[in-house]
Structure formats: structure tokens, C-alpha cells
Amino acid sequence: ANTAVAKLSKEGADRRGVVTTDYSARAEFDRFSRLAEIMNKLVRLFHLRHQFRGFYEDSKQSEAVKKNLQKINMLAG
């Protein structure tokens, strides 16, 4: 069993011999770019959420301003 494990680890398989891990520059680059893609998506989502929250708060504020103007007009009228 030990020799089989040693052979597998030499071939670049992990110790269980289930997943082969590719440490070539290409594989590293692929992993990194996949991670960067995910990070970009997360950042975009947070940005959109922030924008939407700002828009929502602005619309609520403008509603409040309209109501106040209506009150002022009623009082003045």
C-alpha cells in the first residue's frame, strides 16, 4: 500500500490518490482567473446592491419631501 501511495504522490496525485493536482503554471493561472472572476462578480453584486439601496432611499426621501410640500401648500392655501 505504501509503495502505491508513494507512486501516486510522485505522479502528482494527492495522498488519497483521488484527485490529481496539477501544479503547472497554466493550471495555476486558470485557478487564479476563476477566483478573480468570482471576486469581480461579488464586487459587482455589492456595488449594485449599494446603488439600489441609494436609489431606494432617494425615492423615499423624495416622497417625504413631496408630502411636506403638500402640507406647506395646504397651510399656505
PDB file of N, CA and C in Angstrom:
ATOM      1  N   ALA A   1       0.833  -1.204   0.000  1.00  0.00           N
ATOM      2  CA  ALA A   1       0.000   0.000   0.000  1.00  0.00           C
ATOM      3  C   ALA A   1       0.862   1.246   0.000  1.00  0.00           C
ATOM      4  N   ASN A   2       1.946   1.219   0.793  1.00  0.00           N
ATOM      5  CA  ASN A   2       2.815   2.394   0.876  1.00  0.00           C
ATOM      6  C   ASN A   2       3.465   2.727  -0.455  1.00  0.00           C
ATOM      7  N   THR A   3       3.898   1.691  -1.169  1.00  0.00           N
ATOM      8  CA  THR A   3       4.551   1.952  -2.455  1.00  0.00           C
ATOM      9  C   THR A   3       3.555   2.550  -3.448  1.00  0.00           C
ATOM     10  N   ALA A   4       2.317   2.072  -3.391  1.00  0.00           N
ATOM     11  CA  ALA A   4       1.292   2.616  -4.292  1.00  0.00           C
ATOM     12  C   ALA A   4       1.061   4.091  -3.990  1.00  0.00           C
ATOM     13  N   VAL A   5       0.999   4.423  -2.700  1.00  0.00           N
ATOM     14  CA  VAL A   5       0.806   5.818  -2.300  1.00  0.00           C
ATOM     15  C   VAL A   5       1.992   6.654  -2.745  1.00  0.00           C
ATOM     16  N   ALA A   6       3.194   6.125  -2.547  1.00  0.00           N
ATOM     17  CA  ALA A   6       4.401   6.854  -2.952  1.00  0.00           C
ATOM     18  C   ALA A   6       4.386   7.093  -4.457  1.00  0.00           C
ATOM     19  N   LYS A   7       3.995   6.061  -5.215  1.00  0.00           N
ATOM     20  CA  LYS A   7       3.938   6.188  -6.668  1.00  0.00           C
ATOM     21  C   LYS A   7       2.923   7.259  -7.069  1.00  0.00           C
ATOM     22  N   LEU A   8       1.753   7.221  -6.439  1.00  0.00           N
ATOM     23  CA  LEU A   8       0.719   8.206  -6.743  1.00  0.00           C
ATOM     24  C   LEU A   8       1.195   9.616  -6.428  1.00  0.00           C
ATOM     25  N   SER A   9       1.855   9.776  -5.276  1.00  0.00           N
ATOM     26  CA  SER A   9       2.301  11.122  -4.905  1.00  0.00           C
ATOM     27  C   SER A   9       3.379  11.611  -5.867  1.00  0.00           C
ATOM     28  N   LYS A  10       4.186  10.689  -6.396  1.00  0.00           N
ATOM     29  CA  LYS A  10       5.180  11.090  -7.402  1.00  0.00           C
ATOM     30  C   LYS A  10       4.489  11.552  -8.684  1.00  0.00           C
ATOM     31  N   GLU A  11       3.386  10.906  -9.021  1.00  0.00           N
ATOM     32  CA  GLU A  11       2.669  11.248 -10.256  1.00  0.00           C
ATOM     33  C   GLU A  11       1.901  12.562 -10.137  1.00  0.00           C
ATOM     34  N   GLY A  12       1.902  13.143  -8.938  1.00  0.00           N
ATOM     35  CA  GLY A  12       1.205  14.414  -8.769  1.00  0.00           C
ATOM     36  C   GLY A  12      -0.223  14.236  -8.297  1.00  0.00           C
ATOM     37  N   ALA A  13      -0.570  13.015  -7.866  1.00  0.00           N
ATOM     38  CA  ALA A  13      -1.891  12.816  -7.267  1.00  0.00           C
ATOM     39  C   ALA A  13      -1.794  13.225  -5.807  1.00  0.00           C
ATOM     40  N   ASP A  14      -2.927  13.533  -5.199  1.00  0.00           N
ATOM     41  CA  ASP A  14      -2.825  13.865  -3.781  1.00  0.00           C
ATOM     42  C   ASP A  14      -2.705  12.572  -2.994  1.00  0.00           C
ATOM     43  N   ARG A  15      -2.512  12.656  -1.690  1.00  0.00           N
ATOM     44  CA  ARG A  15      -2.171  11.470  -0.898  1.00  0.00           C
ATOM     45  C   ARG A  15      -3.237  10.380  -0.952  1.00  0.00           C
ATOM     46  N   ARG A  16      -4.494  10.750  -1.122  1.00  0.00           N
ATOM     47  CA  ARG A  16      -5.533   9.724  -1.199  1.00  0.00           C
ATOM     48  C   ARG A  16      -5.563   9.079  -2.576  1.00  0.00           C
ATOM     49  N   GLY A  17      -4.945   9.741  -3.544  1.00  0.00           N
ATOM     50  CA  GLY A  17      -4.924   9.183  -4.888  1.00  0.00           C
ATOM     51  C   GLY A  17      -6.241   9.380  -5.618  1.00  0.00           C
ATOM     52  N   VAL A  18      -7.069  10.298  -5.132  1.00  0.00           N
ATOM     53  CA  VAL A  18      -8.368  10.517  -5.763  1.00  0.00           C
ATOM     54  C   VAL A  18      -8.277  11.669  -6.745  1.00  0.00           C
ATOM     55  N   VAL A  19      -7.764  12.794  -6.268  1.00  0.00           N
ATOM     56  CA  VAL A  19      -7.721  13.997  -7.088  1.00  0.00           C
ATOM     57  C   VAL A  19      -6.289  14.245  -7.525  1.00  0.00           C
ATOM     58  N   THR A  20      -6.073  14.366  -8.818  1.00  0.00           N
ATOM     59  CA  THR A  20      -4.731  14.729  -9.261  1.00  0.00           C
ATOM     60  C   THR A  20      -4.646  16.245  -9.235  1.00  0.00           C
ATOM     61  N   THR A  21      -3.585  16.748  -8.619  1.00  0.00           N
ATOM     62  CA  THR A  21      -3.424  18.201  -8.536  1.00  0.00           C
ATOM     63  C   THR A  21      -2.383  18.624  -9.549  1.00  0.00           C
ATOM     64  N   ASP A  22      -2.786  19.496 -10.425  1.00  0.00           N
ATOM     65  CA  ASP A  22      -1.912  19.976 -11.488  1.00  0.00           C
ATOM     66  C   ASP A  22      -1.273  21.277 -11.031  1.00  0.00           C
ATOM     67  N   TYR A  23       0.047  21.268 -10.844  1.00  0.00           N
ATOM     68  CA  TYR A  23       0.731  22.473 -10.378  1.00  0.00           C
ATOM     69  C   TYR A  23       1.432  23.218 -11.512  1.00  0.00           C
ATOM     70  N   SER A  24       1.013  22.945 -12.743  1.00  0.00           N
ATOM     71  CA  SER A  24       1.630  23.653 -13.863  1.00  0.00           C
ATOM     72  C   SER A  24       1.208  25.117 -13.826  1.00  0.00           C
ATOM     73  N   ALA A  25       1.981  25.953 -14.476  1.00  0.00           N
ATOM     74  CA  ALA A  25       1.695  27.392 -14.498  1.00  0.00           C
ATOM     75  C   ALA A  25       0.313  27.647 -15.097  1.00  0.00           C
ATOM     76  N   ARG A  26      -0.024  26.871 -16.120  1.00  0.00           N
ATOM     77  CA  ARG A  26      -1.324  27.034 -16.783  1.00  0.00           C
ATOM     78  C   ARG A  26      -2.472  26.780 -15.801  1.00  0.00           C
ATOM     79  N   ALA A  27      -2.365  25.692 -15.050  1.00  0.00           N
ATOM     80  CA  ALA A  27      -3.416  25.349 -14.092  1.00  0.00           C
ATOM     81  C   ALA A  27      -3.517  26.415 -13.005  1.00  0.00           C
ATOM     82  N   GLU A  28      -2.363  26.883 -12.534  1.00  0.00           N
ATOM     83  CA  GLU A  28      -2.354  27.943 -11.519  1.00  0.00           C
ATOM     84  C   GLU A  28      -3.056  29.181 -12.067  1.00  0.00           C
ATOM     85  N   PHE A  29      -2.743  29.524 -13.318  1.00  0.00           N
ATOM     86  CA  PHE A  29      -3.349  30.701 -13.945  1.00  0.00           C
ATOM     87  C   PHE A  29      -4.861  30.528 -14.058  1.00  0.00           C
ATOM     88  N   ASP A  30      -5.291  29.324 -14.471  1.00  0.00           N
ATOM     89  CA  ASP A  30      -6.732  29.048 -14.582  1.00  0.00           C
ATOM     90  C   ASP A  30      -7.432  29.209 -13.244  1.00  0.00           C
ATOM     91  N   ARG A  31      -6.811  28.632 -12.200  1.00  0.00           N
ATOM     92  CA  ARG A  31      -7.401  28.750 -10.862  1.00  0.00           C
ATOM     93  C   ARG A  31      -7.493  30.202 -10.445  1.00  0.00           C
ATOM     94  N   PHE A  32      -6.411  30.942 -10.686  1.00  0.00           N
ATOM     95  CA  PHE A  32      -6.379  32.349 -10.280  1.00  0.00           C
ATOM     96  C   PHE A  32      -7.424  33.159 -11.035  1.00  0.00           C
ATOM     97  N   SER A  33      -7.543  32.920 -12.346  1.00  0.00           N
ATOM     98  CA  SER A  33      -8.506  33.707 -13.128  1.00  0.00           C
ATOM     99  C   SER A  33      -9.938  33.358 -12.741  1.00  0.00           C
ATOM    100  N   ARG A  34     -10.166  32.085 -12.374  1.00  0.00           N
ATOM    101  CA  ARG A  34     -11.501  31.710 -11.907  1.00  0.00           C
ATOM    102  C   ARG A  34     -11.825  32.440 -10.602  1.00  0.00           C
ATOM    103  N   LEU A  35     -10.841  32.495  -9.715  1.00  0.00           N
ATOM    104  CA  LEU A  35     -11.018  33.208  -8.448  1.00  0.00           C
ATOM    105  C   LEU A  35     -11.271  34.692  -8.699  1.00  0.00           C
ATOM    106  N   ALA A  36     -10.499  35.271  -9.614  1.00  0.00           N
ATOM    107  CA  ALA A  36     -10.661  36.694  -9.937  1.00  0.00           C
ATOM    108  C   ALA A  36     -12.057  36.961 -10.496  1.00  0.00           C
ATOM    109  N   GLU A  37     -12.546  36.050 -11.337  1.00  0.00           N
ATOM    110  CA  GLU A  37     -13.899  36.176 -11.896  1.00  0.00           C
ATOM    111  C   GLU A  37     -14.940  36.219 -10.786  1.00  0.00           C
ATOM    112  N   ILE A  38     -14.810  35.283  -9.843  1.00  0.00           N
ATOM    113  CA  ILE A  38     -15.757  35.213  -8.726  1.00  0.00           C
ATOM    114  C   ILE A  38     -15.701  36.493  -7.907  1.00  0.00           C
ATOM    115  N   MET A  39     -14.487  36.982  -7.639  1.00  0.00           N
ATOM    116  CA  MET A  39     -14.330  38.214  -6.866  1.00  0.00           C
ATOM    117  C   MET A  39     -14.993  39.383  -7.592  1.00  0.00           C
ATOM    118  N   ASN A  40     -14.778  39.472  -8.902  1.00  0.00           N
ATOM    119  CA  ASN A  40     -15.397  40.540  -9.697  1.00  0.00           C
ATOM    120  C   ASN A  40     -16.914  40.492  -9.596  1.00  0.00           C
ATOM    121  N   LYS A  41     -17.467  39.277  -9.685  1.00  0.00           N
ATOM    122  CA  LYS A  41     -18.924  39.137  -9.596  1.00  0.00           C
ATOM    123  C   LYS A  41     -19.427  39.599  -8.239  1.00  0.00           C
ATOM    124  N   LEU A  42     -18.700  39.211  -7.174  1.00  0.00           N
ATOM    125  CA  LEU A  42     -19.099  39.634  -5.827  1.00  0.00           C
ATOM    126  C   LEU A  42     -19.065  41.148  -5.700  1.00  0.00           C
ATOM    127  N   VAL A  43     -17.980  41.748  -6.188  1.00  0.00           N
ATOM    128  CA  VAL A  43     -17.849  43.206  -6.109  1.00  0.00           C
ATOM    129  C   VAL A  43     -18.990  43.874  -6.863  1.00  0.00           C
ATOM    130  N   ARG A  44     -19.297  43.345  -8.059  1.00  0.00           N
ATOM    131  CA  ARG A  44     -20.380  43.910  -8.862  1.00  0.00           C
ATOM    132  C   ARG A  44     -21.715  43.804  -8.127  1.00  0.00           C
ATOM    133  N   LEU A  45     -21.943  42.645  -7.491  1.00  0.00           N
ATOM    134  CA  LEU A  45     -23.187  42.460  -6.742  1.00  0.00           C
ATOM    135  C   LEU A  45     -23.302  43.460  -5.602  1.00  0.00           C
ATOM    136  N   PHE A  46     -22.206  43.620  -4.844  1.00  0.00           N
ATOM    137  CA  PHE A  46     -22.239  44.570  -3.733  1.00  0.00           C
ATOM    138  C   PHE A  46     -22.466  45.985  -4.242  1.00  0.00           C
ATOM    139  N   HIS A  47     -21.819  46.306  -5.362  1.00  0.00           N
ATOM    140  CA  HIS A  47     -21.964  47.639  -5.948  1.00  0.00           C
ATOM    141  C   HIS A  47     -23.418  47.881  -6.357  1.00  0.00           C
ATOM    142  N   LEU A  48     -24.009  46.891  -7.032  1.00  0.00           N
ATOM    143  CA  LEU A  48     -25.405  47.006  -7.454  1.00  0.00           C
ATOM    144  C   LEU A  48     -26.320  47.162  -6.254  1.00  0.00           C
ATOM    145  N   ARG A  49     -26.049  46.366  -5.214  1.00  0.00           N
ATOM    146  CA  ARG A  49     -26.880  46.434  -4.015  1.00  0.00           C
ATOM    147  C   ARG A  49     -26.798  47.823  -3.400  1.00  0.00           C
ATOM    148  N   HIS A  50     -25.586  48.353  -3.364  1.00  0.00           N
ATOM    149  CA  HIS A  50     -25.367  49.686  -2.801  1.00  0.00           C
ATOM    150  C   HIS A  50     -26.113  50.736  -3.626  1.00  0.00           C
ATOM    151  N   GLN A  51     -25.992  50.629  -4.953  1.00  0.00           N
ATOM    152  CA  GLN A  51     -26.680  51.567  -5.846  1.00  0.00           C
ATOM    153  C   GLN A  51     -28.185  51.490  -5.639  1.00  0.00           C
ATOM    154  N   PHE A  52     -28.692  50.260  -5.560  1.00  0.00           N
ATOM    155  CA  PHE A  52     -30.132  50.083  -5.411  1.00  0.00           C
ATOM    156  C   PHE A  52     -30.600  50.672  -4.091  1.00  0.00           C
ATOM    157  N   ARG A  53     -29.818  50.428  -3.010  1.00  0.00           N
ATOM    158  CA  ARG A  53     -30.203  50.964  -1.714  1.00  0.00           C
ATOM    159  C   ARG A  53     -30.233  52.486  -1.763  1.00  0.00           C
ATOM    160  N   GLY A  54     -29.242  53.081  -2.419  1.00  0.00           N
ATOM    161  CA  GLY A  54     -29.199  54.534  -2.568  1.00  0.00           C
ATOM    162  C   GLY A  54     -30.417  55.042  -3.313  1.00  0.00           C
ATOM    163  N   PHE A  55     -30.755  54.355  -4.396  1.00  0.00           N
ATOM    164  CA  PHE A  55     -31.920  54.731  -5.203  1.00  0.00           C
ATOM    165  C   PHE A  55     -33.193  54.638  -4.373  1.00  0.00           C
ATOM    166  N   TYR A  56     -33.307  53.555  -3.608  1.00  0.00           N
ATOM    167  CA  TYR A  56     -34.488  53.329  -2.768  1.00  0.00           C
ATOM    168  C   TYR A  56     -34.614  54.431  -1.717  1.00  0.00           C
ATOM    169  N   GLU A  57     -33.490  54.755  -1.060  1.00  0.00           N
ATOM    170  CA  GLU A  57     -33.516  55.803  -0.034  1.00  0.00           C
ATOM    171  C   GLU A  57     -33.855  57.155  -0.653  1.00  0.00           C
ATOM    172  N   ASP A  58     -33.288  57.438  -1.834  1.00  0.00           N
ATOM    173  CA  ASP A  58     -33.591  58.698  -2.527  1.00  0.00           C
ATOM    174  C   ASP A  58     -35.082  58.802  -2.823  1.00  0.00           C
ATOM    175  N   SER A  59     -35.674  57.702  -3.302  1.00  0.00           N
ATOM    176  CA  SER A  59     -37.100  57.745  -3.647  1.00  0.00           C
ATOM    177  C   SER A  59     -37.944  57.949  -2.390  1.00  0.00           C
ATOM    178  N   LYS A  60     -37.533  57.326  -1.286  1.00  0.00           N
ATOM    179  CA  LYS A  60     -38.271  57.533  -0.026  1.00  0.00           C
ATOM    180  C   LYS A  60     -38.161  58.985   0.417  1.00  0.00           C
ATOM    181  N   GLN A  61     -36.957  59.545   0.285  1.00  0.00           N
ATOM    182  CA  GLN A  61     -36.750  60.943   0.677  1.00  0.00           C
ATOM    183  C   GLN A  61     -37.588  61.872  -0.188  1.00  0.00           C
ATOM    184  N   SER A  62     -37.616  61.611  -1.492  1.00  0.00           N
ATOM    185  CA  SER A  62     -38.392  62.490  -2.379  1.00  0.00           C
ATOM    186  C   SER A  62     -39.882  62.390  -2.055  1.00  0.00           C
ATOM    187  N   GLU A  63     -40.334  61.189  -1.660  1.00  0.00           N
ATOM    188  CA  GLU A  63     -41.729  61.038  -1.218  1.00  0.00           C
ATOM    189  C   GLU A  63     -41.984  61.916   0.000  1.00  0.00           C
ATOM    190  N   ALA A  64     -41.063  61.893   0.961  1.00  0.00           N
ATOM    191  CA  ALA A  64     -41.206  62.690   2.182  1.00  0.00           C
ATOM    192  C   ALA A  64     -41.229  64.179   1.844  1.00  0.00           C
ATOM    193  N   VAL A  65     -40.351  64.586   0.922  1.00  0.00           N
ATOM    194  CA  VAL A  65     -40.298  65.998   0.510  1.00  0.00           C
ATOM    195  C   VAL A  65     -41.625  66.404  -0.125  1.00  0.00           C
ATOM    196  N   LYS A  66     -42.165  65.543  -1.005  1.00  0.00           N
ATOM    197  CA  LYS A  66     -43.460  65.836  -1.645  1.00  0.00           C
ATOM    198  C   LYS A  66     -44.549  66.032  -0.599  1.00  0.00           C
ATOM    199  N   LYS A  67     -44.588  65.121   0.387  1.00  0.00           N
ATOM    200  CA  LYS A  67     -45.614  65.210   1.436  1.00  0.00           C
ATOM    201  C   LYS A  67     -45.475  66.515   2.210  1.00  0.00           C
ATOM    202  N   ASN A  68     -44.228  66.879   2.532  1.00  0.00           N
ATOM    203  CA  ASN A  68     -44.002  68.131   3.263  1.00  0.00           C
ATOM    204  C   ASN A  68     -44.441  69.334   2.438  1.00  0.00           C
ATOM    205  N   LEU A  69     -44.138  69.320   1.134  1.00  0.00           N
ATOM    206  CA  LEU A  69     -44.559  70.416   0.253  1.00  0.00           C
ATOM    207  C   LEU A  69     -46.083  70.508   0.208  1.00  0.00           C
ATOM    208  N   GLN A  70     -46.739  69.355   0.130  1.00  0.00           N
ATOM    209  CA  GLN A  70     -48.208  69.345   0.124  1.00  0.00           C
ATOM    210  C   GLN A  70     -48.754  69.971   1.408  1.00  0.00           C
ATOM    211  N   LYS A  71     -48.153  69.601   2.557  1.00  0.00           N
ATOM    212  CA  LYS A  71     -48.581  70.175   3.841  1.00  0.00           C
ATOM    213  C   LYS A  71     -48.405  71.692   3.839  1.00  0.00           C
ATOM    214  N   ILE A  72     -47.235  72.135   3.355  1.00  0.00           N
ATOM    215  CA  ILE A  72     -46.947  73.577   3.316  1.00  0.00           C
ATOM    216  C   ILE A  72     -47.964  74.288   2.428  1.00  0.00           C
ATOM    217  N   ASN A  73     -48.239  73.698   1.249  1.00  0.00           N
ATOM    218  CA  ASN A  73     -49.227  74.288   0.335  1.00  0.00           C
ATOM    219  C   ASN A  73     -50.602  74.364   0.981  1.00  0.00           C
ATOM    220  N   MET A  74     -50.982  73.299   1.690  1.00  0.00           N
ATOM    221  CA  MET A  74     -52.283  73.295   2.359  1.00  0.00           C
ATOM    222  C   MET A  74     -52.345  74.395   3.422  1.00  0.00           C
ATOM    223  N   LEU A  75     -51.249  74.512   4.183  1.00  0.00           N
ATOM    224  CA  LEU A  75     -51.206  75.537   5.235  1.00  0.00           C
ATOM    225  C   LEU A  75     -51.228  76.939   4.627  1.00  0.00           C
ATOM    226  N   ALA A  76     -50.471  77.105   3.542  1.00  0.00           N
ATOM    227  CA  ALA A  76     -50.385  78.421   2.894  1.00  0.00           C
ATOM    228  C   ALA A  76     -51.705  78.748   2.200  1.00  0.00           C
ATOM    229  N   GLY A  77     -52.316  77.714   1.589  1.00  0.00           N
ATOM    230  CA  GLY A  77     -53.563  77.920   0.860  1.00  0.00           C
ATOM    231  C   GLY A  77     -54.687  78.157   1.852  1.00  0.00           C
TER     232      GLY A  77
END
